[in-house]
Amino acid sequence: MSFNQYRPSGFMGLTPIVKNLIIINVLFFLAMMGVENITRGGTDLNDVLGLHYWGSDKFEPYQFVTYMFMHGGFSHIFFNMFAVWMFGNVLEQVWGPKRFLIYYLVTGIGAGVLHMLIMWFQFSGIQAEINTFMLQPTPVDFEALVQRSFDGHYNPEALAQLVHNWTLAPADPVWISEASKALQSLLSAQMDIPTVGASGAIFGILLAFGMLFPNSLIYLYFAIPIKAKWFVILYGGFELYSGIANNPGDNVAHFAHLGGMLFGFILIRFWKTRRYQ
């Protein structure tokens, strides 16, 4: 299979599903900005349509679909839609509109499912730490737990004040209760952070392109050539490393990206198996 015969002819040469996906994503983005401007920041559609952890009061099942069409900013949606145009056009020409749309939705939803499972693992671990801490609570252990498990998600001044007051009366049940409430509040706040973006489906698309056109060249930064198969392998490895490293400052759902790749691989293998039956 040659990539050149499917190469997009320009931005206007959009296949039907790719064109509609880009239009829908842009409309959702404009709606988000419009609602935010009208309500002067009072309403955030990302908070309504983004994917929340199932333990959050804000979680709704439809978010497994709607989160794919929400984005956090212009650069976020621009690069995602650029990838849809660049690689999605080719895949839709190879597979046809129906199969491509199924693949896009399956990888996007699958990315959300894996991300949810990873969050369950992480939040369960934090809750277990909190339960263990509450057996013998101390100001020092409280401060260490907050800094370790909620890095970047707490108010340093409020933490210092609570630790100071509790240190003055370490056996006072009032401060122990305040510490317990603070920990649960921090955990709930993290559960309420929505995940948004089409990146899970985009990584599924990248995987499919690498599998169908493994020796086609992709130009990094429009200058450095690399074969598609190596690009996919290296990018997947980077996402796995970043997910395991779990740097709280990057705000990227790395395992959702890997989920898109995983579900894409499974679906492609399933289709290939059925074809030879």
C-alpha atoms as a PDB file:
ATOM      1  CA  MET A   1       0.000   0.000   0.000  1.00  0.00           C
ATOM      2  CA  SER A   2       1.474   3.334  -1.045  1.00  0.00           C
ATOM      3  CA  PHE A   3       0.974   6.456   1.051  1.00  0.00           C
ATOM      4  CA  ASN A   4       1.395   8.762  -1.966  1.00  0.00           C
ATOM      5  CA  GLN A   5      -1.842   7.612  -3.574  1.00  0.00           C
ATOM      6  CA  TYR A   6      -3.740   8.743  -0.465  1.00  0.00           C
ATOM      7  CA  ARG A   7      -1.735  11.912   0.229  1.00  0.00           C
ATOM      8  CA  PRO A   8      -4.099  14.852   0.974  1.00  0.00           C
ATOM      9  CA  SER A   9      -4.077  17.497  -1.738  1.00  0.00           C
ATOM     10  CA  GLY A  10      -4.487  20.437   0.625  1.00  0.00           C
ATOM     11  CA  PHE A  11      -6.624  21.769   3.429  1.00  0.00           C
ATOM     12  CA  MET A  12      -9.625  21.933   1.118  1.00  0.00           C
ATOM     13  CA  GLY A  13      -9.217  18.259   0.138  1.00  0.00           C
ATOM     14  CA  LEU A  14     -11.021  16.979   3.228  1.00  0.00           C
ATOM     15  CA  THR A  15     -12.754  13.631   3.371  1.00  0.00           C
ATOM     16  CA  PRO A  16     -16.359  13.736   4.728  1.00  0.00           C
ATOM     17  CA  ILE A  17     -15.822  12.426   8.273  1.00  0.00           C
ATOM     18  CA  VAL A  18     -12.586  14.360   8.782  1.00  0.00           C
ATOM     19  CA  LYS A  19     -14.296  17.554   7.595  1.00  0.00           C
ATOM     20  CA  ASN A  20     -17.255  17.052   9.927  1.00  0.00           C
ATOM     21  CA  LEU A  21     -15.051  16.126  12.890  1.00  0.00           C
ATOM     22  CA  ILE A  22     -13.065  19.333  12.448  1.00  0.00           C
ATOM     23  CA  ILE A  23     -16.247  21.395  12.098  1.00  0.00           C
ATOM     24  CA  ILE A  24     -17.833  19.846  15.214  1.00  0.00           C
ATOM     25  CA  ASN A  25     -14.679  20.355  17.282  1.00  0.00           C
ATOM     26  CA  VAL A  26     -14.401  23.981  16.193  1.00  0.00           C
ATOM     27  CA  LEU A  27     -18.094  24.604  16.940  1.00  0.00           C
ATOM     28  CA  PHE A  28     -17.715  23.117  20.418  1.00  0.00           C
ATOM     29  CA  PHE A  29     -14.634  25.275  21.000  1.00  0.00           C
ATOM     30  CA  LEU A  30     -16.441  28.434  19.870  1.00  0.00           C
ATOM     31  CA  ALA A  31     -19.444  27.523  22.025  1.00  0.00           C
ATOM     32  CA  MET A  32     -17.161  27.099  25.037  1.00  0.00           C
ATOM     33  CA  MET A  33     -15.602  30.514  24.452  1.00  0.00           C
ATOM     34  CA  GLY A  34     -18.994  32.106  23.800  1.00  0.00           C
ATOM     35  CA  VAL A  35     -20.623  30.741  26.945  1.00  0.00           C
ATOM     36  CA  GLU A  36     -17.596  31.745  29.012  1.00  0.00           C
ATOM     37  CA  ASN A  37     -17.736  35.298  27.645  1.00  0.00           C
ATOM     38  CA  ILE A  38     -21.506  35.602  28.091  1.00  0.00           C
ATOM     39  CA  THR A  39     -21.387  34.376  31.693  1.00  0.00           C
ATOM     40  CA  ARG A  40     -18.083  36.221  32.299  1.00  0.00           C
ATOM     41  CA  GLY A  41     -16.323  33.027  33.352  1.00  0.00           C
ATOM     42  CA  GLY A  42     -19.249  31.779  35.418  1.00  0.00           C
ATOM     43  CA  THR A  43     -19.946  28.727  33.243  1.00  0.00           C
ATOM     44  CA  ASP A  44     -17.287  26.412  31.835  1.00  0.00           C
ATOM     45  CA  LEU A  45     -18.538  23.901  29.256  1.00  0.00           C
ATOM     46  CA  ASN A  46     -15.390  21.851  29.840  1.00  0.00           C
ATOM     47  CA  ASP A  47     -16.682  21.277  33.346  1.00  0.00           C
ATOM     48  CA  VAL A  48     -19.998  20.021  31.947  1.00  0.00           C
ATOM     49  CA  LEU A  49     -18.862  18.060  28.900  1.00  0.00           C
ATOM     50  CA  GLY A  50     -15.342  17.086  29.974  1.00  0.00           C
ATOM     51  CA  LEU A  51     -14.751  13.593  31.357  1.00  0.00           C
ATOM     52  CA  HIS A  52     -14.879  13.465  35.157  1.00  0.00           C
ATOM     53  CA  TYR A  53     -13.787  10.589  37.350  1.00  0.00           C
ATOM     54  CA  TRP A  54     -16.726   8.284  38.089  1.00  0.00           C
ATOM     55  CA  GLY A  55     -16.378   8.996  41.812  1.00  0.00           C
ATOM     56  CA  SER A  56     -17.033  12.690  41.201  1.00  0.00           C
ATOM     57  CA  ASP A  57     -20.483  14.215  41.618  1.00  0.00           C
ATOM     58  CA  LYS A  58     -19.923  15.825  38.223  1.00  0.00           C
ATOM     59  CA  PHE A  59     -19.521  12.545  36.325  1.00  0.00           C
ATOM     60  CA  GLU A  60     -22.053  11.673  33.616  1.00  0.00           C
ATOM     61  CA  PRO A  61     -21.824   8.659  31.234  1.00  0.00           C
ATOM     62  CA  TYR A  62     -22.223  10.857  28.130  1.00  0.00           C
ATOM     63  CA  GLN A  63     -18.899  12.502  28.976  1.00  0.00           C
ATOM     64  CA  PHE A  64     -17.074   9.478  27.511  1.00  0.00           C
ATOM     65  CA  VAL A  65     -18.130  10.881  24.119  1.00  0.00           C
ATOM     66  CA  THR A  66     -18.409  14.629  24.656  1.00  0.00           C
ATOM     67  CA  TYR A  67     -14.948  15.017  26.224  1.00  0.00           C
ATOM     68  CA  MET A  68     -13.418  14.228  22.811  1.00  0.00           C
ATOM     69  CA  PHE A  69     -14.882  17.414  21.354  1.00  0.00           C
ATOM     70  CA  MET A  70     -13.755  19.792  24.112  1.00  0.00           C
ATOM     71  CA  HIS A  71     -10.355  21.467  24.292  1.00  0.00           C
ATOM     72  CA  GLY A  72      -8.434  23.545  26.772  1.00  0.00           C
ATOM     73  CA  GLY A  73      -7.176  26.255  24.439  1.00  0.00           C
ATOM     74  CA  PHE A  74      -6.397  27.302  20.865  1.00  0.00           C
ATOM     75  CA  SER A  75      -3.092  25.445  20.575  1.00  0.00           C
ATOM     76  CA  HIS A  76      -4.725  22.303  21.995  1.00  0.00           C
ATOM     77  CA  ILE A  77      -7.471  22.192  19.379  1.00  0.00           C
ATOM     78  CA  PHE A  78      -5.229  23.434  16.548  1.00  0.00           C
ATOM     79  CA  PHE A  79      -2.645  20.664  16.820  1.00  0.00           C
ATOM     80  CA  ASN A  80      -5.285  17.990  17.389  1.00  0.00           C
ATOM     81  CA  MET A  81      -7.247  19.044  14.323  1.00  0.00           C
ATOM     82  CA  PHE A  82      -4.045  19.373  12.312  1.00  0.00           C
ATOM     83  CA  ALA A  83      -3.318  15.708  13.105  1.00  0.00           C
ATOM     84  CA  VAL A  84      -6.889  14.724  12.171  1.00  0.00           C
ATOM     85  CA  TRP A  85      -6.438  16.442   8.803  1.00  0.00           C
ATOM     86  CA  MET A  86      -2.930  15.132   8.179  1.00  0.00           C
ATOM     87  CA  PHE A  87      -3.469  11.460   9.094  1.00  0.00           C
ATOM     88  CA  GLY A  88      -7.240  11.060   9.262  1.00  0.00           C
ATOM     89  CA  ASN A  89      -7.733  11.991   5.599  1.00  0.00           C
ATOM     90  CA  VAL A  90      -5.500   9.111   4.566  1.00  0.00           C
ATOM     91  CA  LEU A  91      -7.145   6.576   6.846  1.00  0.00           C
ATOM     92  CA  GLU A  92     -10.642   7.555   5.746  1.00  0.00           C
ATOM     93  CA  GLN A  93      -9.647   7.087   2.110  1.00  0.00           C
ATOM     94  CA  VAL A  94      -8.269   3.623   2.910  1.00  0.00           C
ATOM     95  CA  TRP A  95     -11.081   2.433   5.200  1.00  0.00           C
ATOM     96  CA  GLY A  96     -14.050   4.458   4.061  1.00  0.00           C
ATOM     97  CA  PRO A  97     -16.128   6.917   6.138  1.00  0.00           C
ATOM     98  CA  LYS A  98     -18.040   4.364   8.250  1.00  0.00           C
ATOM     99  CA  ARG A  99     -15.027   2.356   9.409  1.00  0.00           C
ATOM    100  CA  PHE A 100     -12.959   5.464  10.048  1.00  0.00           C
ATOM    101  CA  LEU A 101     -15.707   7.017  12.210  1.00  0.00           C
ATOM    102  CA  ILE A 102     -16.076   3.774  14.176  1.00  0.00           C
ATOM    103  CA  TYR A 103     -12.305   3.689  14.708  1.00  0.00           C
ATOM    104  CA  TYR A 104     -12.196   7.333  15.825  1.00  0.00           C
ATOM    105  CA  LEU A 105     -14.994   6.890  18.365  1.00  0.00           C
ATOM    106  CA  VAL A 106     -13.741   3.531  19.682  1.00  0.00           C
ATOM    107  CA  THR A 107     -10.213   4.851  20.251  1.00  0.00           C
ATOM    108  CA  GLY A 108     -11.512   8.055  21.834  1.00  0.00           C
ATOM    109  CA  ILE A 109     -13.885   6.247  24.184  1.00  0.00           C
ATOM    110  CA  GLY A 110     -11.277   3.561  24.863  1.00  0.00           C
ATOM    111  CA  ALA A 111      -8.777   6.264  25.813  1.00  0.00           C
ATOM    112  CA  GLY A 112     -11.311   7.609  28.323  1.00  0.00           C
ATOM    113  CA  VAL A 113     -11.908   4.142  29.768  1.00  0.00           C
ATOM    114  CA  LEU A 114      -8.195   3.449  30.335  1.00  0.00           C
ATOM    115  CA  HIS A 115      -7.705   6.927  31.775  1.00  0.00           C
ATOM    116  CA  MET A 116     -10.590   6.274  34.172  1.00  0.00           C
ATOM    117  CA  LEU A 117      -9.031   2.981  35.305  1.00  0.00           C
ATOM    118  CA  ILE A 118      -5.683   4.688  35.926  1.00  0.00           C
ATOM    119  CA  MET A 119      -7.424   7.402  37.953  1.00  0.00           C
ATOM    120  CA  TRP A 120      -9.225   4.722  39.978  1.00  0.00           C
ATOM    121  CA  PHE A 121      -5.854   3.121  40.757  1.00  0.00           C
ATOM    122  CA  GLN A 122      -4.327   6.472  41.749  1.00  0.00           C
ATOM    123  CA  PHE A 123      -7.253   7.712  43.814  1.00  0.00           C
ATOM    124  CA  SER A 124      -7.630   4.337  45.553  1.00  0.00           C
ATOM    125  CA  GLY A 125      -3.974   4.561  46.553  1.00  0.00           C
ATOM    126  CA  ILE A 126      -4.404   8.075  47.911  1.00  0.00           C
ATOM    127  CA  GLN A 127      -7.533   7.066  49.835  1.00  0.00           C
ATOM    128  CA  ALA A 128      -5.634   4.119  51.339  1.00  0.00           C
ATOM    129  CA  GLU A 129      -2.871   6.512  52.436  1.00  0.00           C
ATOM    130  CA  ILE A 130      -5.449   8.799  54.032  1.00  0.00           C
ATOM    131  CA  ASN A 131      -7.063   5.880  55.874  1.00  0.00           C
ATOM    132  CA  THR A 132      -3.673   4.726  57.174  1.00  0.00           C
ATOM    133  CA  PHE A 133      -2.767   8.258  58.231  1.00  0.00           C
ATOM    134  CA  MET A 134      -6.013   8.665  60.187  1.00  0.00           C
ATOM    135  CA  LEU A 135      -5.094   5.682  62.391  1.00  0.00           C
ATOM    136  CA  GLN A 136      -2.322   7.758  63.998  1.00  0.00           C
ATOM    137  CA  PRO A 137      -2.632  11.335  62.715  1.00  0.00           C
ATOM    138  CA  THR A 138       0.160  13.822  63.402  1.00  0.00           C
ATOM    139  CA  PRO A 139       0.840  17.312  62.010  1.00  0.00           C
ATOM    140  CA  VAL A 140       4.151  16.208  60.498  1.00  0.00           C
ATOM    141  CA  ASP A 141       2.642  13.213  58.693  1.00  0.00           C
ATOM    142  CA  PHE A 142      -0.290  15.336  57.547  1.00  0.00           C
ATOM    143  CA  GLU A 143       1.984  17.906  55.936  1.00  0.00           C
ATOM    144  CA  ALA A 144       4.053  15.169  54.272  1.00  0.00           C
ATOM    145  CA  LEU A 145       0.927  13.426  52.929  1.00  0.00           C
ATOM    146  CA  VAL A 146      -0.478  16.616  51.434  1.00  0.00           C
ATOM    147  CA  GLN A 147       2.810  17.540  49.771  1.00  0.00           C
ATOM    148  CA  ARG A 148       3.306  13.998  48.430  1.00  0.00           C
ATOM    149  CA  SER A 149      -0.185  13.211  47.153  1.00  0.00           C
ATOM    150  CA  PHE A 150      -1.560  16.650  46.245  1.00  0.00           C
ATOM    151  CA  ASP A 151       1.460  18.407  44.794  1.00  0.00           C
ATOM    152  CA  GLY A 152       0.313  21.585  43.082  1.00  0.00           C
ATOM    153  CA  HIS A 153      -3.297  21.212  44.271  1.00  0.00           C
ATOM    154  CA  TYR A 154      -3.212  22.853  47.694  1.00  0.00           C
ATOM    155  CA  ASN A 155      -2.819  26.317  49.185  1.00  0.00           C
ATOM    156  CA  PRO A 156       0.623  26.464  50.886  1.00  0.00           C
ATOM    157  CA  GLU A 157      -0.451  29.212  53.263  1.00  0.00           C
ATOM    158  CA  ALA A 158      -3.587  27.367  54.389  1.00  0.00           C
ATOM    159  CA  LEU A 159      -1.553  24.176  54.851  1.00  0.00           C
ATOM    160  CA  ALA A 160       1.089  25.978  56.934  1.00  0.00           C
ATOM    161  CA  GLN A 161      -1.577  27.605  59.100  1.00  0.00           C
ATOM    162  CA  LEU A 162      -3.378  24.309  59.786  1.00  0.00           C
ATOM    163  CA  VAL A 163      -0.114  22.508  60.592  1.00  0.00           C
ATOM    164  CA  HIS A 164       0.944  25.354  62.905  1.00  0.00           C
ATOM    165  CA  ASN A 165      -2.357  25.355  64.827  1.00  0.00           C
ATOM    166  CA  TRP A 166      -2.381  21.578  65.101  1.00  0.00           C
ATOM    167  CA  THR A 167       1.244  21.513  66.331  1.00  0.00           C
ATOM    168  CA  LEU A 168       0.271  23.750  69.233  1.00  0.00           C
ATOM    169  CA  ALA A 169      -2.379  21.210  70.313  1.00  0.00           C
ATOM    170  CA  PRO A 170      -1.469  17.850  68.698  1.00  0.00           C
ATOM    171  CA  ALA A 171      -4.076  15.864  70.669  1.00  0.00           C
ATOM    172  CA  ASP A 172      -6.948  18.274  70.002  1.00  0.00           C
ATOM    173  CA  PRO A 173      -9.674  16.358  68.070  1.00  0.00           C
ATOM    174  CA  VAL A 174     -10.761  19.597  66.407  1.00  0.00           C
ATOM    175  CA  TRP A 175      -7.530  19.835  64.411  1.00  0.00           C
ATOM    176  CA  ILE A 176      -7.577  16.125  63.626  1.00  0.00           C
ATOM    177  CA  SER A 177     -11.077  16.578  62.225  1.00  0.00           C
ATOM    178  CA  GLU A 178      -9.961  19.636  60.238  1.00  0.00           C
ATOM    179  CA  ALA A 179      -7.069  17.657  58.777  1.00  0.00           C
ATOM    180  CA  SER A 180      -9.408  14.825  57.758  1.00  0.00           C
ATOM    181  CA  LYS A 181     -11.821  17.268  56.084  1.00  0.00           C
ATOM    182  CA  ALA A 182      -8.936  18.987  54.284  1.00  0.00           C
ATOM    183  CA  LEU A 183      -7.655  15.676  52.877  1.00  0.00           C
ATOM    184  CA  GLN A 184     -11.074  14.591  51.639  1.00  0.00           C
ATOM    185  CA  SER A 185     -11.659  18.029  50.152  1.00  0.00           C
ATOM    186  CA  LEU A 186      -8.367  17.861  48.256  1.00  0.00           C
ATOM    187  CA  LEU A 187      -9.196  14.381  46.987  1.00  0.00           C
ATOM    188  CA  SER A 188     -12.660  15.477  45.836  1.00  0.00           C
ATOM    189  CA  ALA A 189     -11.189  18.533  44.118  1.00  0.00           C
ATOM    190  CA  GLN A 190      -8.821  16.315  42.128  1.00  0.00           C
ATOM    191  CA  MET A 191     -11.698  14.021  41.146  1.00  0.00           C
ATOM    192  CA  ASP A 192     -13.574  17.066  39.853  1.00  0.00           C
ATOM    193  CA  ILE A 193     -10.835  18.032  37.362  1.00  0.00           C
ATOM    194  CA  PRO A 194     -12.181  17.227  33.867  1.00  0.00           C
ATOM    195  CA  THR A 195     -10.234  15.548  31.088  1.00  0.00           C
ATOM    196  CA  VAL A 196     -10.771  17.114  27.654  1.00  0.00           C
ATOM    197  CA  GLY A 197      -9.476  16.738  24.120  1.00  0.00           C
ATOM    198  CA  ALA A 198      -9.407  14.464  21.104  1.00  0.00           C
ATOM    199  CA  SER A 199      -5.851  13.342  21.859  1.00  0.00           C
ATOM    200  CA  GLY A 200      -6.828   9.748  22.674  1.00  0.00           C
ATOM    201  CA  ALA A 201      -8.424   9.338  19.242  1.00  0.00           C
ATOM    202  CA  ILE A 202      -5.501  11.221  17.663  1.00  0.00           C
ATOM    203  CA  PHE A 203      -3.020   8.735  19.102  1.00  0.00           C
ATOM    204  CA  GLY A 204      -5.228   5.942  17.786  1.00  0.00           C
ATOM    205  CA  ILE A 205      -5.017   7.577  14.350  1.00  0.00           C
ATOM    206  CA  LEU A 206      -1.211   7.850  14.623  1.00  0.00           C
ATOM    207  CA  LEU A 207      -0.973   4.168  15.494  1.00  0.00           C
ATOM    208  CA  ALA A 208      -3.172   3.191  12.546  1.00  0.00           C
ATOM    209  CA  PHE A 209      -1.085   5.311  10.172  1.00  0.00           C
ATOM    210  CA  GLY A 210       2.103   3.701  11.474  1.00  0.00           C
ATOM    211  CA  MET A 211       0.638   0.218  10.996  1.00  0.00           C
ATOM    212  CA  LEU A 212      -0.729   0.869   7.489  1.00  0.00           C
ATOM    213  CA  PHE A 213       2.166   2.972   6.208  1.00  0.00           C
ATOM    214  CA  PRO A 214       5.135   1.910   8.396  1.00  0.00           C
ATOM    215  CA  ASN A 215       7.857   3.136   6.033  1.00  0.00           C
ATOM    216  CA  SER A 216       6.287   6.477   5.108  1.00  0.00           C
ATOM    217  CA  LEU A 217       8.276   9.473   6.274  1.00  0.00           C
ATOM    218  CA  ILE A 218       6.962  11.893   8.865  1.00  0.00           C
ATOM    219  CA  TYR A 219       8.841  15.166   9.156  1.00  0.00           C
ATOM    220  CA  LEU A 220       9.307  16.283  12.751  1.00  0.00           C
ATOM    221  CA  TYR A 221       9.159  20.080  12.998  1.00  0.00           C
ATOM    222  CA  PHE A 222       8.757  19.950   9.181  1.00  0.00           C
ATOM    223  CA  ALA A 223      12.490  19.191   8.829  1.00  0.00           C
ATOM    224  CA  ILE A 224      13.592  15.920  10.474  1.00  0.00           C
ATOM    225  CA  PRO A 225      12.474  12.774   8.576  1.00  0.00           C
ATOM    226  CA  ILE A 226      11.524   9.649  10.522  1.00  0.00           C
ATOM    227  CA  LYS A 227       9.682   6.533   9.408  1.00  0.00           C
ATOM    228  CA  ALA A 228       6.105   6.324  10.679  1.00  0.00           C
ATOM    229  CA  LYS A 229       6.665   3.016  12.504  1.00  0.00           C
ATOM    230  CA  TRP A 230       9.572   4.439  14.522  1.00  0.00           C
ATOM    231  CA  PHE A 231       7.700   7.649  15.196  1.00  0.00           C
ATOM    232  CA  VAL A 232       4.768   5.689  16.661  1.00  0.00           C
ATOM    233  CA  ILE A 233       7.043   3.434  18.738  1.00  0.00           C
ATOM    234  CA  LEU A 234       9.082   6.328  20.126  1.00  0.00           C
ATOM    235  CA  TYR A 235       6.022   8.480  20.821  1.00  0.00           C
ATOM    236  CA  GLY A 236       4.273   5.562  22.534  1.00  0.00           C
ATOM    237  CA  GLY A 237       7.371   4.879  24.632  1.00  0.00           C
ATOM    238  CA  PHE A 238       7.585   8.536  25.614  1.00  0.00           C
ATOM    239  CA  GLU A 239       3.926   8.549  26.682  1.00  0.00           C
ATOM    240  CA  LEU A 240       4.448   5.382  28.739  1.00  0.00           C
ATOM    241  CA  TYR A 241       7.484   6.887  30.475  1.00  0.00           C
ATOM    242  CA  SER A 242       5.661  10.176  31.107  1.00  0.00           C
ATOM    243  CA  GLY A 243       2.629   8.348  32.486  1.00  0.00           C
ATOM    244  CA  ILE A 244       4.723   6.280  34.888  1.00  0.00           C
ATOM    245  CA  ALA A 245       6.787   9.319  35.939  1.00  0.00           C
ATOM    246  CA  ASN A 246       3.461  11.026  36.772  1.00  0.00           C
ATOM    247  CA  ASN A 247       4.732  14.592  36.869  1.00  0.00           C
ATOM    248  CA  PRO A 248       1.765  16.538  38.289  1.00  0.00           C
ATOM    249  CA  GLY A 249       2.906  19.722  36.584  1.00  0.00           C
ATOM    250  CA  ASP A 250       2.382  18.656  32.985  1.00  0.00           C
ATOM    251  CA  ASN A 251      -1.449  18.246  33.193  1.00  0.00           C
ATOM    252  CA  VAL A 252      -1.415  15.673  30.365  1.00  0.00           C
ATOM    253  CA  ALA A 253      -3.435  12.430  30.444  1.00  0.00           C
ATOM    254  CA  HIS A 254      -0.616  10.243  29.116  1.00  0.00           C
ATOM    255  CA  PHE A 255      -2.418   6.965  29.753  1.00  0.00           C
ATOM    256  CA  ALA A 256      -5.416   8.242  27.799  1.00  0.00           C
ATOM    257  CA  HIS A 257      -3.073   8.641  24.819  1.00  0.00           C
ATOM    258  CA  LEU A 258      -1.840   5.105  25.335  1.00  0.00           C
ATOM    259  CA  GLY A 259      -5.459   3.965  25.667  1.00  0.00           C
ATOM    260  CA  GLY A 260      -6.194   5.350  22.216  1.00  0.00           C
ATOM    261  CA  MET A 261      -3.245   3.391  20.833  1.00  0.00           C
ATOM    262  CA  LEU A 262      -4.201   0.216  22.703  1.00  0.00           C
ATOM    263  CA  PHE A 263      -7.824   0.192  21.582  1.00  0.00           C
ATOM    264  CA  GLY A 264      -6.742   1.139  18.057  1.00  0.00           C
ATOM    265  CA  PHE A 265      -4.354  -1.810  17.910  1.00  0.00           C
ATOM    266  CA  ILE A 266      -7.020  -4.207  19.200  1.00  0.00           C
ATOM    267  CA  LEU A 267      -9.604  -2.940  16.701  1.00  0.00           C
ATOM    268  CA  ILE A 268      -7.215  -3.146  13.731  1.00  0.00           C
ATOM    269  CA  ARG A 269      -6.216  -6.697  14.678  1.00  0.00           C
ATOM    270  CA  PHE A 270      -9.883  -7.617  15.082  1.00  0.00           C
ATOM    271  CA  TRP A 271     -10.734  -6.287  11.627  1.00  0.00           C
ATOM    272  CA  LYS A 272      -7.740  -8.066  10.123  1.00  0.00           C
ATOM    273  CA  THR A 273      -8.717 -11.374  11.767  1.00  0.00           C
ATOM    274  CA  ARG A 274     -12.300 -11.127  10.504  1.00  0.00           C
ATOM    275  CA  ARG A 275     -11.088 -10.435   6.977  1.00  0.00           C
ATOM    276  CA  TYR A 276      -9.192 -13.728   6.875  1.00  0.00           C
ATOM    277  CA  GLN A 277     -11.964 -15.856   8.346  1.00  0.00           C
END
